[in-house]
Structure formats: C-alpha cells, structure tokens
Amino acid sequence: VYRCACGGWLSVGALEAPFYAIFL
C-alpha cells in the first residue's frame, strides 16, 4: 500500500508477470 499526494492510499498487487508488466 502506498500513500498518494492527497493523503489517500493505493493498494498494489501486481503479483503475476503479465500484471507486473502492465503495472510497470
């Protein structure tokens, strides 16, 4: 989980290779 500039939070779960590639 990462904090954004507004103070909100974002969850990231790019576990598998295809999803990780899209994420990057």
PDB file of all heavy atoms in Angstrom:
ATOM      1  N   VAL A   1       0.847  -1.187   0.000  1.00  0.00           N
ATOM      2  CA  VAL A   1       0.000   0.000   0.000  1.00  0.00           C
ATOM      3  C   VAL A   1       0.886   1.242   0.000  1.00  0.00           C
ATOM      4  O   VAL A   1       1.877   1.307   0.741  1.00  0.00           O
ATOM      5  CB  VAL A   1      -0.933   0.006   1.228  1.00  0.00           C
ATOM      6  CG1 VAL A   1      -1.770   1.277   1.274  1.00  0.00           C
ATOM      7  CG2 VAL A   1      -1.850  -1.221   1.212  1.00  0.00           C
ATOM      8  N   TYR A   2       0.510   2.232  -0.840  1.00  0.00           N
ATOM      9  CA  TYR A   2       1.312   3.443  -1.000  1.00  0.00           C
ATOM     10  C   TYR A   2       0.458   4.689  -0.761  1.00  0.00           C
ATOM     11  O   TYR A   2      -0.711   4.733  -1.150  1.00  0.00           O
ATOM     12  CB  TYR A   2       1.907   3.496  -2.412  1.00  0.00           C
ATOM     13  CG  TYR A   2       2.949   2.424  -2.670  1.00  0.00           C
ATOM     14  CD1 TYR A   2       2.592   1.206  -3.244  1.00  0.00           C
ATOM     15  CD2 TYR A   2       4.274   2.628  -2.316  1.00  0.00           C
ATOM     16  CE1 TYR A   2       3.541   0.215  -3.474  1.00  0.00           C
ATOM     17  CE2 TYR A   2       5.236   1.647  -2.536  1.00  0.00           C
ATOM     18  CZ  TYR A   2       4.860   0.449  -3.113  1.00  0.00           C
ATOM     19  OH  TYR A   2       5.798  -0.531  -3.332  1.00  0.00           O
ATOM     20  N   ARG A   3       1.091   5.673  -0.164  1.00  0.00           N
ATOM     21  CA  ARG A   3       0.420   6.947   0.127  1.00  0.00           C
ATOM     22  C   ARG A   3       0.542   7.872  -1.073  1.00  0.00           C
ATOM     23  O   ARG A   3       1.615   7.987  -1.678  1.00  0.00           O
ATOM     24  CB  ARG A   3       1.033   7.604   1.361  1.00  0.00           C
ATOM     25  CG  ARG A   3       0.285   8.838   1.858  1.00  0.00           C
ATOM     26  CD  ARG A   3       0.994   9.428   3.069  1.00  0.00           C
ATOM     27  NE  ARG A   3       0.268  10.569   3.605  1.00  0.00           N
ATOM     28  CZ  ARG A   3      -0.631  10.512   4.577  1.00  0.00           C
ATOM     29  NH1 ARG A   3      -0.881   9.335   5.136  1.00  0.00           N
ATOM     30  NH2 ARG A   3      -1.250  11.579   5.011  1.00  0.00           N
ATOM     31  N   CYS A   4      -0.551   8.554  -1.398  1.00  0.00           N
ATOM     32  CA  CYS A   4      -0.571   9.480  -2.532  1.00  0.00           C
ATOM     33  C   CYS A   4      -0.443  10.921  -2.036  1.00  0.00           C
ATOM     34  O   CYS A   4      -0.518  11.194  -0.836  1.00  0.00           O
ATOM     35  CB  CYS A   4      -1.862   9.309  -3.327  1.00  0.00           C
ATOM     36  SG  CYS A   4      -2.136   7.626  -3.908  1.00  0.00           S
ATOM     37  N   ALA A   5      -0.276  11.845  -2.968  1.00  0.00           N
ATOM     38  CA  ALA A   5      -0.046  13.245  -2.611  1.00  0.00           C
ATOM     39  C   ALA A   5      -1.213  13.842  -1.843  1.00  0.00           C
ATOM     40  O   ALA A   5      -1.036  14.750  -1.022  1.00  0.00           O
ATOM     41  CB  ALA A   5       0.220  14.057  -3.872  1.00  0.00           C
ATOM     42  N   CYS A   6      -2.430  13.341  -2.091  1.00  0.00           N
ATOM     43  CA  CYS A   6      -3.628  13.864  -1.443  1.00  0.00           C
ATOM     44  C   CYS A   6      -3.823  13.320  -0.033  1.00  0.00           C
ATOM     45  O   CYS A   6      -4.741  13.743   0.682  1.00  0.00           O
ATOM     46  CB  CYS A   6      -4.852  13.535  -2.295  1.00  0.00           C
ATOM     47  SG  CYS A   6      -5.096  11.750  -2.517  1.00  0.00           S
ATOM     48  N   GLY A   7      -2.997  12.353   0.366  1.00  0.00           N
ATOM     49  CA  GLY A   7      -3.172  11.697   1.654  1.00  0.00           C
ATOM     50  C   GLY A   7      -3.935  10.398   1.555  1.00  0.00           C
ATOM     51  O   GLY A   7      -4.020   9.651   2.532  1.00  0.00           O
ATOM     52  N   GLY A   8      -4.509  10.116   0.373  1.00  0.00           N
ATOM     53  CA  GLY A   8      -5.181   8.840   0.161  1.00  0.00           C
ATOM     54  C   GLY A   8      -4.186   7.722  -0.063  1.00  0.00           C
ATOM     55  O   GLY A   8      -2.977   7.959  -0.216  1.00  0.00           O
ATOM     56  N   TRP A   9      -4.687   6.504  -0.108  1.00  0.00           N
ATOM     57  CA  TRP A   9      -3.815   5.343  -0.210  1.00  0.00           C
ATOM     58  C   TRP A   9      -4.204   4.491  -1.415  1.00  0.00           C
ATOM     59  O   TRP A   9      -5.360   4.480  -1.841  1.00  0.00           O
ATOM     60  CB  TRP A   9      -3.898   4.489   1.060  1.00  0.00           C
ATOM     61  CG  TRP A   9      -3.436   5.212   2.278  1.00  0.00           C
ATOM     62  CD1 TRP A   9      -4.187   6.017   3.091  1.00  0.00           C
ATOM     63  CD2 TRP A   9      -2.110   5.230   2.819  1.00  0.00           C
ATOM     64  NE1 TRP A   9      -3.410   6.513   4.109  1.00  0.00           N
ATOM     65  CE2 TRP A   9      -2.129   6.051   3.971  1.00  0.00           C
ATOM     66  CE3 TRP A   9      -0.910   4.628   2.456  1.00  0.00           C
ATOM     67  CZ2 TRP A   9      -1.015   6.288   4.752  1.00  0.00           C
ATOM     68  CZ3 TRP A   9       0.210   4.855   3.238  1.00  0.00           C
ATOM     69  CH2 TRP A   9       0.161   5.676   4.367  1.00  0.00           C
ATOM     70  N   LEU A  10      -3.208   3.789  -1.937  1.00  0.00           N
ATOM     71  CA  LEU A  10      -3.375   2.966  -3.118  1.00  0.00           C
ATOM     72  C   LEU A  10      -2.822   1.581  -2.830  1.00  0.00           C
ATOM     73  O   LEU A  10      -1.715   1.442  -2.303  1.00  0.00           O
ATOM     74  CB  LEU A  10      -2.600   3.601  -4.274  1.00  0.00           C
ATOM     75  CG  LEU A  10      -3.059   3.352  -5.709  1.00  0.00           C
ATOM     76  CD1 LEU A  10      -4.438   3.949  -5.935  1.00  0.00           C
ATOM     77  CD2 LEU A  10      -2.048   3.991  -6.662  1.00  0.00           C
ATOM     78  N   SER A  11      -3.588   0.535  -3.160  1.00  0.00           N
ATOM     79  CA  SER A  11      -3.096  -0.828  -2.996  1.00  0.00           C
ATOM     80  C   SER A  11      -2.577  -1.344  -4.328  1.00  0.00           C
ATOM     81  O   SER A  11      -3.171  -1.108  -5.379  1.00  0.00           O
ATOM     82  CB  SER A  11      -4.213  -1.753  -2.486  1.00  0.00           C
ATOM     83  OG  SER A  11      -5.182  -1.981  -3.494  1.00  0.00           O
ATOM     84  N   VAL A  12      -1.450  -2.051  -4.264  1.00  0.00           N
ATOM     85  CA  VAL A  12      -0.821  -2.630  -5.448  1.00  0.00           C
ATOM     86  C   VAL A  12      -0.642  -4.118  -5.202  1.00  0.00           C
ATOM     87  O   VAL A  12      -0.114  -4.520  -4.166  1.00  0.00           O
ATOM     88  CB  VAL A  12       0.543  -1.978  -5.737  1.00  0.00           C
ATOM     89  CG1 VAL A  12       1.236  -2.666  -6.911  1.00  0.00           C
ATOM     90  CG2 VAL A  12       0.377  -0.490  -6.015  1.00  0.00           C
ATOM     91  N   GLY A  13      -1.095  -4.939  -6.164  1.00  0.00           N
ATOM     92  CA  GLY A  13      -0.962  -6.381  -6.023  1.00  0.00           C
ATOM     93  C   GLY A  13      -0.584  -7.037  -7.336  1.00  0.00           C
ATOM     94  O   GLY A  13      -1.193  -8.017  -7.748  1.00  0.00           O
ATOM     95  N   ALA A  14       0.436  -6.487  -7.981  1.00  0.00           N
ATOM     96  CA  ALA A  14       0.850  -6.967  -9.311  1.00  0.00           C
ATOM     97  C   ALA A  14       1.742  -8.198  -9.174  1.00  0.00           C
ATOM     98  O   ALA A  14       2.927  -8.179  -9.507  1.00  0.00           O
ATOM     99  CB  ALA A  14       1.563  -5.858 -10.068  1.00  0.00           C
ATOM    100  N   LEU A  15       1.173  -9.297  -8.718  1.00  0.00           N
ATOM    101  CA  LEU A  15       1.932 -10.499  -8.382  1.00  0.00           C
ATOM    102  C   LEU A  15       2.434 -11.254  -9.614  1.00  0.00           C
ATOM    103  O   LEU A  15       3.623 -11.538  -9.747  1.00  0.00           O
ATOM    104  CB  LEU A  15       1.058 -11.415  -7.522  1.00  0.00           C
ATOM    105  CG  LEU A  15       1.573 -12.815  -7.199  1.00  0.00           C
ATOM    106  CD1 LEU A  15       2.894 -12.757  -6.457  1.00  0.00           C
ATOM    107  CD2 LEU A  15       0.535 -13.582  -6.384  1.00  0.00           C
ATOM    108  N   GLU A  16       1.525 -11.584 -10.541  1.00  0.00           N
ATOM    109  CA  GLU A  16       1.912 -12.387 -11.697  1.00  0.00           C
ATOM    110  C   GLU A  16       2.598 -11.531 -12.765  1.00  0.00           C
ATOM    111  O   GLU A  16       2.344 -10.329 -12.885  1.00  0.00           O
ATOM    112  CB  GLU A  16       0.676 -13.083 -12.294  1.00  0.00           C
ATOM    113  CG  GLU A  16       0.083 -14.157 -11.387  1.00  0.00           C
ATOM    114  CD  GLU A  16      -0.873 -13.620 -10.347  1.00  0.00           C
ATOM    115  OE1 GLU A  16      -1.079 -12.370 -10.310  1.00  0.00           O
ATOM    116  OE2 GLU A  16      -1.394 -14.400  -9.548  1.00  0.00           O
ATOM    117  N   ALA A  17       3.439 -12.198 -13.577  1.00  0.00           N
ATOM    118  CA  ALA A  17       4.267 -11.490 -14.557  1.00  0.00           C
ATOM    119  C   ALA A  17       3.465 -10.618 -15.528  1.00  0.00           C
ATOM    120  O   ALA A  17       3.858  -9.460 -15.775  1.00  0.00           O
ATOM    121  CB  ALA A  17       5.121 -12.502 -15.332  1.00  0.00           C
ATOM    122  N   PRO A  18       2.355 -11.076 -16.092  1.00  0.00           N
ATOM    123  CA  PRO A  18       1.615 -10.212 -17.026  1.00  0.00           C
ATOM    124  C   PRO A  18       1.095  -8.942 -16.361  1.00  0.00           C
ATOM    125  O   PRO A  18       1.112  -7.864 -16.972  1.00  0.00           O
ATOM    126  CB  PRO A  18       0.465 -11.102 -17.509  1.00  0.00           C
ATOM    127  CG  PRO A  18       0.922 -12.498 -17.256  1.00  0.00           C
ATOM    128  CD  PRO A  18       1.765 -12.430 -16.030  1.00  0.00           C
ATOM    129  N   PHE A  19       0.640  -9.073 -15.122  1.00  0.00           N
ATOM    130  CA  PHE A  19       0.116  -7.910 -14.414  1.00  0.00           C
ATOM    131  C   PHE A  19       1.244  -6.959 -14.014  1.00  0.00           C
ATOM    132  O   PHE A  19       1.095  -5.727 -14.049  1.00  0.00           O
ATOM    133  CB  PHE A  19      -0.674  -8.353 -13.187  1.00  0.00           C
ATOM    134  CG  PHE A  19      -1.741  -9.371 -13.482  1.00  0.00           C
ATOM    135  CD1 PHE A  19      -2.051 -10.372 -12.580  1.00  0.00           C
ATOM    136  CD2 PHE A  19      -2.437  -9.343 -14.686  1.00  0.00           C
ATOM    137  CE1 PHE A  19      -3.033 -11.310 -12.841  1.00  0.00           C
ATOM    138  CE2 PHE A  19      -3.423 -10.278 -14.975  1.00  0.00           C
ATOM    139  CZ  PHE A  19      -3.719 -11.263 -14.048  1.00  0.00           C
ATOM    140  N   TYR A  20       2.365  -7.523 -13.627  1.00  0.00           N
ATOM    141  CA  TYR A  20       3.538  -6.709 -13.272  1.00  0.00           C
ATOM    142  C   TYR A  20       4.013  -5.921 -14.488  1.00  0.00           C
ATOM    143  O   TYR A  20       4.384  -4.746 -14.375  1.00  0.00           O
ATOM    144  CB  TYR A  20       4.644  -7.623 -12.747  1.00  0.00           C
ATOM    145  CG  TYR A  20       5.886  -6.908 -12.263  1.00  0.00           C
ATOM    146  CD1 TYR A  20       5.852  -6.080 -11.149  1.00  0.00           C
ATOM    147  CD2 TYR A  20       7.109  -7.084 -12.913  1.00  0.00           C
ATOM    148  CE1 TYR A  20       6.994  -5.443 -10.692  1.00  0.00           C
ATOM    149  CE2 TYR A  20       8.264  -6.455 -12.463  1.00  0.00           C
ATOM    150  CZ  TYR A  20       8.198  -5.624 -11.345  1.00  0.00           C
ATOM    151  OH  TYR A  20       9.342  -4.988 -10.898  1.00  0.00           O
ATOM    152  N   ALA A  21       3.979  -6.548 -15.655  1.00  0.00           N
ATOM    153  CA  ALA A  21       4.404  -5.859 -16.881  1.00  0.00           C
ATOM    154  C   ALA A  21       3.486  -4.682 -17.185  1.00  0.00           C
ATOM    155  O   ALA A  21       3.948  -3.589 -17.556  1.00  0.00           O
ATOM    156  CB  ALA A  21       4.422  -6.836 -18.052  1.00  0.00           C
ATOM    157  N   ILE A  22       2.190  -4.871 -17.029  1.00  0.00           N
ATOM    158  CA  ILE A  22       1.241  -3.769 -17.244  1.00  0.00           C
ATOM    159  C   ILE A  22       1.485  -2.659 -16.232  1.00  0.00           C
ATOM    160  O   ILE A  22       1.478  -1.467 -16.573  1.00  0.00           O
ATOM    161  CB  ILE A  22      -0.202  -4.296 -17.142  1.00  0.00           C
ATOM    162  CG1 ILE A  22      -0.482  -5.310 -18.254  1.00  0.00           C
ATOM    163  CG2 ILE A  22      -1.198  -3.137 -17.201  1.00  0.00           C
ATOM    164  CD1 ILE A  22      -1.801  -6.042 -18.084  1.00  0.00           C
ATOM    165  N   PHE A  23       1.706  -3.042 -14.988  1.00  0.00           N
ATOM    166  CA  PHE A  23       1.964  -2.086 -13.907  1.00  0.00           C
ATOM    167  C   PHE A  23       3.172  -1.209 -14.241  1.00  0.00           C
ATOM    168  O   PHE A  23       3.103   0.026 -14.181  1.00  0.00           O
ATOM    169  CB  PHE A  23       2.180  -2.866 -12.610  1.00  0.00           C
ATOM    170  CG  PHE A  23       2.588  -2.050 -11.425  1.00  0.00           C
ATOM    171  CD1 PHE A  23       1.704  -1.172 -10.829  1.00  0.00           C
ATOM    172  CD2 PHE A  23       3.867  -2.169 -10.884  1.00  0.00           C
ATOM    173  CE1 PHE A  23       2.088  -0.420  -9.720  1.00  0.00           C
ATOM    174  CE2 PHE A  23       4.259  -1.434  -9.781  1.00  0.00           C
ATOM    175  CZ  PHE A  23       3.360  -0.557  -9.196  1.00  0.00           C
ATOM    176  N   LEU A  24       4.263  -1.837 -14.644  1.00  0.00           N
ATOM    177  CA  LEU A  24       5.470  -1.073 -14.980  1.00  0.00           C
ATOM    178  C   LEU A  24       5.248  -0.207 -16.216  1.00  0.00           C
ATOM    179  O   LEU A  24       5.702   0.949 -16.275  1.00  0.00           O
ATOM    180  CB  LEU A  24       6.640  -2.022 -15.218  1.00  0.00           C
ATOM    181  CG  LEU A  24       7.155  -2.819 -14.018  1.00  0.00           C
ATOM    182  CD1 LEU A  24       8.364  -3.655 -14.434  1.00  0.00           C
ATOM    183  CD2 LEU A  24       7.517  -1.909 -12.850  1.00  0.00           C
TER     184      LEU A  24
END
